[in-house]
Amino acid sequence: MEPNVEKELAAGNRLLQEGDLKGALSRFNKAVKLDPNCAEAYFGIAEASVGIPKVSIDQILNAYRKAIELDSKNPYYYSAYGSFCLENGLYKEAEEAYTRAAHLDPDNAIYYLSELSVEFYRNAISKMDEEASNQEYDTILKKSLEYFLKALNLTREEAMRLLSQ
């Protein structure tokens, strides 16, 4: 990697950690101009942009997707993208992203998939209105449990057997 790109990435990451999102975004954008194929720079753009209200959801999604396109073997990119998708009600995309992260990093698959389970539940419940039916609530619980069973590598039948003992 070119030294100037490394310098911009380091500065962007430092500013991101310090909470200077606009400054970090500026540095990551400079890194992209220097190297349009730098996945880390696109990921930094996405991460910094999450906290900047003027940046649209589509722009953030595109930055995550570009980072993943350029570095499709990075499970952290997928899990961060999945988390952002969950927060924005893009449940199918979130499930695909977390599942891909788990596939790429099998030693930590349980963490990716349990995060999907818990965060899906938390997010979906928070979006329910006060008039929601028990059936809607049950649907959310069922999906969350399915994700958690996947995290534990259990079938529905195995879980039922264990719970009925």
Protein backbone atom coordinates (compact mmCIF):
# COMPACT_ATOMS: atom_id res chain seq x y z
CA MET A 1 0.00 0.00 0.00
CA GLU A 2 1.23 3.46 -0.88
CA PRO A 3 2.61 5.42 2.12
CA ASN A 4 0.25 8.37 1.52
CA VAL A 5 -2.75 6.03 1.60
CA GLU A 6 -1.50 4.47 4.82
CA LYS A 7 -1.04 7.94 6.29
CA GLU A 8 -4.63 8.94 5.42
CA LEU A 9 -6.02 5.67 6.76
CA ALA A 10 -4.11 6.02 10.02
CA ALA A 11 -5.28 9.61 10.44
CA GLY A 12 -8.86 8.63 9.58
CA ASN A 13 -8.86 5.78 12.09
CA ARG A 14 -7.38 8.02 14.79
CA LEU A 15 -10.01 10.71 14.18
CA LEU A 16 -12.73 8.09 14.16
CA GLN A 17 -11.60 6.82 17.57
CA GLU A 18 -11.53 10.40 18.86
CA GLY A 19 -15.09 10.95 17.67
CA ASP A 20 -14.23 13.46 14.94
CA LEU A 21 -16.44 11.83 12.33
CA LYS A 22 -16.27 14.63 9.76
CA GLY A 23 -12.49 14.77 10.01
CA ALA A 24 -12.28 10.99 9.71
CA LEU A 25 -14.59 11.00 6.70
CA SER A 26 -12.41 13.61 5.02
CA ARG A 27 -9.29 11.49 5.53
CA PHE A 28 -10.95 8.31 4.28
CA ASN A 29 -12.19 10.16 1.20
CA LYS A 30 -8.63 11.33 0.54
CA ALA A 31 -7.43 7.74 0.82
CA VAL A 32 -10.02 6.67 -1.78
CA LYS A 33 -8.85 9.41 -4.13
CA LEU A 34 -5.29 8.14 -3.77
CA ASP A 35 -6.32 4.49 -4.13
CA PRO A 36 -9.84 3.82 -5.47
CA ASN A 37 -9.38 0.11 -4.71
CA CYS A 38 -8.69 0.51 -0.99
CA ALA A 39 -11.33 -1.51 0.86
CA GLU A 40 -10.26 -0.15 4.25
CA ALA A 41 -10.91 3.41 3.08
CA TYR A 42 -14.44 2.58 1.93
CA PHE A 43 -15.07 0.79 5.21
CA GLY A 44 -13.82 3.86 7.07
CA ILE A 45 -16.14 6.06 5.00
CA ALA A 46 -19.08 3.86 6.00
CA GLU A 47 -18.15 3.78 9.67
CA ALA A 48 -17.58 7.53 9.92
CA SER A 49 -20.72 8.32 7.92
CA VAL A 50 -23.01 6.39 10.27
CA GLY A 51 -22.77 9.25 12.75
CA ILE A 52 -23.15 12.09 10.26
CA PRO A 53 -26.83 12.93 9.70
CA LYS A 54 -26.27 14.53 6.28
CA VAL A 55 -24.98 11.25 4.82
CA SER A 56 -27.82 9.13 3.43
CA ILE A 57 -28.46 5.51 4.29
CA ASP A 58 -27.88 4.62 0.63
CA GLN A 59 -24.47 6.30 0.63
CA ILE A 60 -23.49 4.37 3.75
CA LEU A 61 -24.77 1.08 2.34
CA ASN A 62 -22.83 1.71 -0.88
CA ALA A 63 -19.61 2.37 1.05
CA TYR A 64 -20.00 -0.88 3.04
CA ARG A 65 -20.81 -2.78 -0.16
CA LYS A 66 -17.76 -1.34 -1.94
CA ALA A 67 -15.50 -2.35 0.96
CA ILE A 68 -16.94 -5.87 0.83
CA GLU A 69 -16.59 -6.00 -2.96
CA LEU A 70 -12.91 -5.08 -2.68
CA ASP A 71 -12.19 -7.36 0.30
CA SER A 72 -14.77 -10.14 0.28
CA LYS A 73 -12.82 -12.23 2.80
CA ASN A 74 -13.09 -9.79 5.72
CA PRO A 75 -15.71 -11.05 8.21
CA TYR A 76 -15.61 -7.79 10.18
CA TYR A 77 -16.82 -5.85 7.13
CA TYR A 78 -19.76 -8.22 6.79
CA SER A 79 -20.70 -8.04 10.48
CA ALA A 80 -20.55 -4.23 10.54
CA TYR A 81 -22.61 -4.09 7.35
CA GLY A 82 -25.07 -6.57 8.89
CA SER A 83 -25.39 -4.45 12.01
CA PHE A 84 -26.08 -1.34 9.96
CA CYS A 85 -28.67 -3.23 7.91
CA LEU A 86 -30.42 -4.40 11.09
CA GLU A 87 -30.57 -0.87 12.44
CA ASN A 88 -32.25 0.22 9.22
CA GLY A 89 -34.75 -2.63 8.94
CA LEU A 90 -32.96 -4.43 6.11
CA TYR A 91 -33.36 -7.84 7.72
CA LYS A 92 -32.69 -10.07 4.72
CA GLU A 93 -29.43 -8.24 3.94
CA ALA A 94 -28.46 -8.39 7.61
CA GLU A 95 -29.02 -12.14 7.76
CA GLU A 96 -26.95 -12.66 4.61
CA ALA A 97 -24.12 -10.48 5.92
CA TYR A 98 -23.93 -12.12 9.35
CA THR A 99 -24.16 -15.58 7.79
CA ARG A 100 -21.30 -14.72 5.45
CA ALA A 101 -19.19 -13.41 8.37
CA ALA A 102 -19.84 -16.68 10.23
CA HIS A 103 -18.83 -18.69 7.17
CA LEU A 104 -15.60 -16.72 6.74
CA ASP A 105 -14.69 -16.91 10.42
CA PRO A 106 -16.02 -20.26 11.72
CA ASP A 107 -14.12 -19.95 15.00
CA ASN A 108 -16.28 -16.93 15.85
CA ALA A 109 -19.48 -17.94 14.04
CA ILE A 110 -21.39 -18.26 17.29
CA TYR A 111 -20.72 -14.60 18.07
CA TYR A 112 -21.85 -13.31 14.68
CA LEU A 113 -25.01 -15.40 14.68
CA SER A 114 -25.93 -14.74 18.31
CA GLU A 115 -25.48 -11.00 17.66
CA LEU A 116 -27.83 -11.37 14.70
CA SER A 117 -30.37 -13.11 16.94
CA VAL A 118 -30.28 -10.59 19.77
CA GLU A 119 -30.02 -7.47 17.62
CA PHE A 120 -32.78 -8.66 15.27
CA TYR A 121 -35.06 -9.17 18.27
CA ARG A 122 -34.14 -5.83 19.86
CA ASN A 123 -34.53 -3.91 16.63
CA ALA A 124 -37.73 -5.57 15.43
CA ILE A 125 -39.42 -5.15 18.83
CA SER A 126 -38.45 -1.47 18.95
CA LYS A 127 -40.14 -0.94 15.58
CA MET A 128 -43.41 -2.58 16.63
CA ASP A 129 -46.25 -0.22 17.37
CA GLU A 130 -48.41 -0.40 20.48
CA GLU A 131 -51.21 -2.04 18.49
CA ALA A 132 -49.08 -4.98 17.37
CA SER A 133 -50.68 -8.38 17.78
CA ASN A 134 -49.38 -11.33 19.72
CA GLN A 135 -48.91 -13.05 16.36
CA GLU A 136 -46.52 -10.29 15.19
CA TYR A 137 -44.60 -10.55 18.44
CA ASP A 138 -44.47 -14.35 18.13
CA THR A 139 -43.14 -14.04 14.56
CA ILE A 140 -40.27 -11.87 15.81
CA LEU A 141 -39.51 -14.27 18.66
CA LYS A 142 -39.58 -17.25 16.30
CA LYS A 143 -37.15 -15.65 13.84
CA SER A 144 -34.83 -14.61 16.66
CA LEU A 145 -34.87 -18.13 18.06
CA GLU A 146 -34.12 -19.57 14.62
CA TYR A 147 -31.05 -17.36 14.41
CA PHE A 148 -29.96 -18.39 17.89
CA LEU A 149 -30.39 -22.08 17.12
CA LYS A 150 -28.20 -21.52 14.07
CA ALA A 151 -25.60 -19.86 16.34
CA LEU A 152 -25.65 -22.89 18.64
CA ASN A 153 -25.62 -25.25 15.65
CA LEU A 154 -28.81 -26.91 16.88
CA THR A 155 -31.76 -28.14 14.90
CA ARG A 156 -35.27 -27.29 16.02
CA GLU A 157 -35.79 -30.95 16.95
CA GLU A 158 -32.64 -31.04 19.09
CA ALA A 159 -33.73 -27.89 20.90
CA MET A 160 -37.21 -29.30 21.52
CA ARG A 161 -35.71 -32.54 22.84
CA LEU A 162 -33.43 -30.64 25.21
CA LEU A 163 -36.15 -28.31 26.42
CA SER A 164 -38.63 -31.11 27.05
CA GLN A 165 -36.29 -32.97 29.44
